[in-house]
């Protein structure tokens, strides 16, 4: 599979996560405000690591860390964890691809949207994907 640019890798993940049926979560690339259930696609830390082949760095080739924040709902009593578990299943099924390696799935946590400061139940799913930089 040919390497994608950094931008193309992020957009491919967004496309793979797009709703296909009623009830599928929203997909966003910014986290200013959300309307759960929502998946927020962004880059994780470290963003880019030099790719190596037999110990030698391949020019402009990197391993990028892609993150999907699964936002289930407001922090309230109820079925939030079960909804979050369903979102994680949705993400892992949709992003299963030869060019993406699942790194980790974080524990459920309180996450606050930037604009409205509402607290939500969320978890982060991280992937590694090979990319190259243009320029």
Protein backbone atom coordinates (compact mmCIF):
# COMPACT_ATOMS: atom_id res chain seq x y z
CA UNK A 1 0.00 0.00 0.00
CA UNK A 2 1.50 3.39 -0.96
CA UNK A 3 2.24 5.90 1.76
CA UNK A 4 -0.25 8.69 2.28
CA UNK A 5 0.49 12.29 3.10
CA UNK A 6 -0.19 13.36 6.68
CA UNK A 7 -3.35 15.18 5.60
CA UNK A 8 -4.59 12.28 3.46
CA UNK A 9 -4.11 9.82 6.35
CA UNK A 10 -6.26 11.98 8.66
CA UNK A 11 -8.94 12.51 6.00
CA UNK A 12 -9.00 8.76 5.24
CA UNK A 13 -9.69 8.03 8.91
CA UNK A 14 -12.46 10.65 8.96
CA UNK A 15 -13.99 9.12 5.81
CA UNK A 16 -13.87 5.61 7.30
CA UNK A 17 -15.70 6.82 10.41
CA UNK A 18 -18.46 8.78 8.62
CA UNK A 19 -22.01 7.76 9.56
CA UNK A 20 -23.45 5.10 7.27
CA UNK A 21 -26.73 4.53 9.09
CA UNK A 22 -29.11 6.29 11.44
CA UNK A 23 -27.69 6.20 14.93
CA UNK A 24 -24.04 6.24 13.84
CA UNK A 25 -21.96 8.86 15.69
CA UNK A 26 -21.08 12.30 14.36
CA UNK A 27 -17.49 12.77 13.18
CA UNK A 28 -15.55 15.99 13.73
CA UNK A 29 -12.00 17.23 13.28
CA UNK A 30 -12.22 19.87 16.02
CA UNK A 31 -13.36 19.61 19.60
CA UNK A 32 -14.64 23.12 20.25
CA UNK A 33 -18.16 21.81 20.91
CA UNK A 34 -19.70 18.38 20.46
CA UNK A 35 -23.12 16.78 20.21
CA UNK A 36 -22.72 13.19 21.45
CA UNK A 37 -22.36 10.56 20.37
CA UNK A 38 -19.37 12.09 18.58
CA UNK A 39 -15.96 10.98 17.36
CA UNK A 40 -13.25 13.65 17.24
CA UNK A 41 -10.29 12.83 14.96
CA UNK A 42 -6.99 14.56 15.68
CA UNK A 43 -3.27 13.88 16.02
CA UNK A 44 -1.82 12.36 19.18
CA UNK A 45 1.51 12.99 20.87
CA UNK A 46 4.09 12.33 19.55
CA UNK A 47 2.58 13.36 16.24
CA UNK A 48 5.34 12.12 13.93
CA UNK A 49 8.25 9.76 14.52
CA UNK A 50 10.91 9.11 11.87
CA UNK A 51 10.39 5.76 10.15
CA UNK A 52 13.38 3.48 9.99
CA UNK A 53 14.26 0.55 7.78
CA UNK A 54 17.12 -1.65 9.00
CA UNK A 55 18.14 1.16 11.30
CA UNK A 56 18.34 3.82 8.59
CA UNK A 57 15.86 6.68 8.42
CA UNK A 58 13.89 6.75 5.17
CA UNK A 59 13.74 10.29 3.86
CA UNK A 60 10.43 12.04 4.63
CA UNK A 61 8.79 8.82 5.89
CA UNK A 62 7.20 8.89 9.32
CA UNK A 63 4.99 6.97 11.66
CA UNK A 64 2.09 9.24 12.65
CA UNK A 65 -0.06 8.88 15.75
CA UNK A 66 -3.74 9.30 14.97
CA UNK A 67 -6.24 9.70 17.79
CA UNK A 68 -10.01 9.33 17.92
CA UNK A 69 -11.77 10.71 20.97
CA UNK A 70 -15.03 8.82 21.45
CA UNK A 71 -17.47 11.10 23.30
CA UNK A 72 -20.45 9.19 24.69
CA UNK A 73 -22.46 11.80 26.56
CA UNK A 74 -22.62 14.18 29.49
CA UNK A 75 -21.35 13.03 32.86
CA UNK A 76 -24.61 11.85 34.39
CA UNK A 77 -25.85 8.67 36.05
CA UNK A 78 -26.95 6.10 33.51
CA UNK A 79 -25.70 4.04 30.63
CA UNK A 80 -22.76 6.26 29.61
CA UNK A 81 -20.14 3.53 29.92
CA UNK A 82 -22.17 1.07 27.82
CA UNK A 83 -22.59 3.73 25.12
CA UNK A 84 -18.87 4.46 25.24
CA UNK A 85 -18.10 0.75 24.83
CA UNK A 86 -20.30 0.69 21.71
CA UNK A 87 -18.48 3.74 20.31
CA UNK A 88 -15.10 2.06 20.86
CA UNK A 89 -16.37 -1.02 18.99
CA UNK A 90 -17.54 1.22 16.13
CA UNK A 91 -14.15 2.95 15.91
CA UNK A 92 -12.07 -0.23 15.98
CA UNK A 93 -14.26 -1.92 13.36
CA UNK A 94 -14.25 1.08 11.01
CA UNK A 95 -10.52 1.84 11.29
CA UNK A 96 -9.39 -1.76 10.86
CA UNK A 97 -7.04 -1.44 7.89
CA UNK A 98 -3.60 -2.71 6.86
CA UNK A 99 -2.12 0.80 7.05
CA UNK A 100 -3.35 1.50 10.61
CA UNK A 101 -2.14 -0.26 13.76
CA UNK A 102 -4.14 0.02 16.96
CA UNK A 103 -1.83 1.30 19.72
CA UNK A 104 -4.12 1.71 22.71
CA UNK A 105 -7.60 2.40 24.02
CA UNK A 106 -7.66 4.69 27.02
CA UNK A 107 -9.79 4.27 30.09
CA UNK A 108 -13.09 6.18 30.27
CA UNK A 109 -12.50 9.70 31.56
CA UNK A 110 -14.08 13.10 32.07
CA UNK A 111 -13.50 15.31 29.06
CA UNK A 112 -14.49 18.96 28.77
CA UNK A 113 -15.47 20.62 25.48
CA UNK A 114 -13.55 23.84 24.88
CA UNK A 115 -16.38 26.23 24.08
CA UNK A 116 -19.26 25.22 26.29
CA UNK A 117 -17.15 23.68 29.11
CA UNK A 118 -19.63 20.79 29.41
CA UNK A 119 -18.13 17.60 30.86
CA UNK A 120 -18.58 14.40 28.87
CA UNK A 121 -17.65 10.75 29.28
CA UNK A 122 -15.01 9.92 26.68
CA UNK A 123 -12.14 7.58 25.80
CA UNK A 124 -9.24 7.94 23.39
CA UNK A 125 -8.36 5.36 20.73
CA UNK A 126 -4.85 5.69 19.27
CA UNK A 127 -3.48 4.34 16.03
CA UNK A 128 -0.14 4.39 14.26
CA UNK A 129 -0.09 4.92 10.50
CA UNK A 130 2.77 5.36 8.00
CA UNK A 131 2.86 8.76 6.28
CA UNK A 132 5.18 11.05 4.38
CA UNK A 133 5.61 14.81 4.39
CA UNK A 134 5.24 16.82 1.25
CA UNK A 135 7.48 19.71 0.55
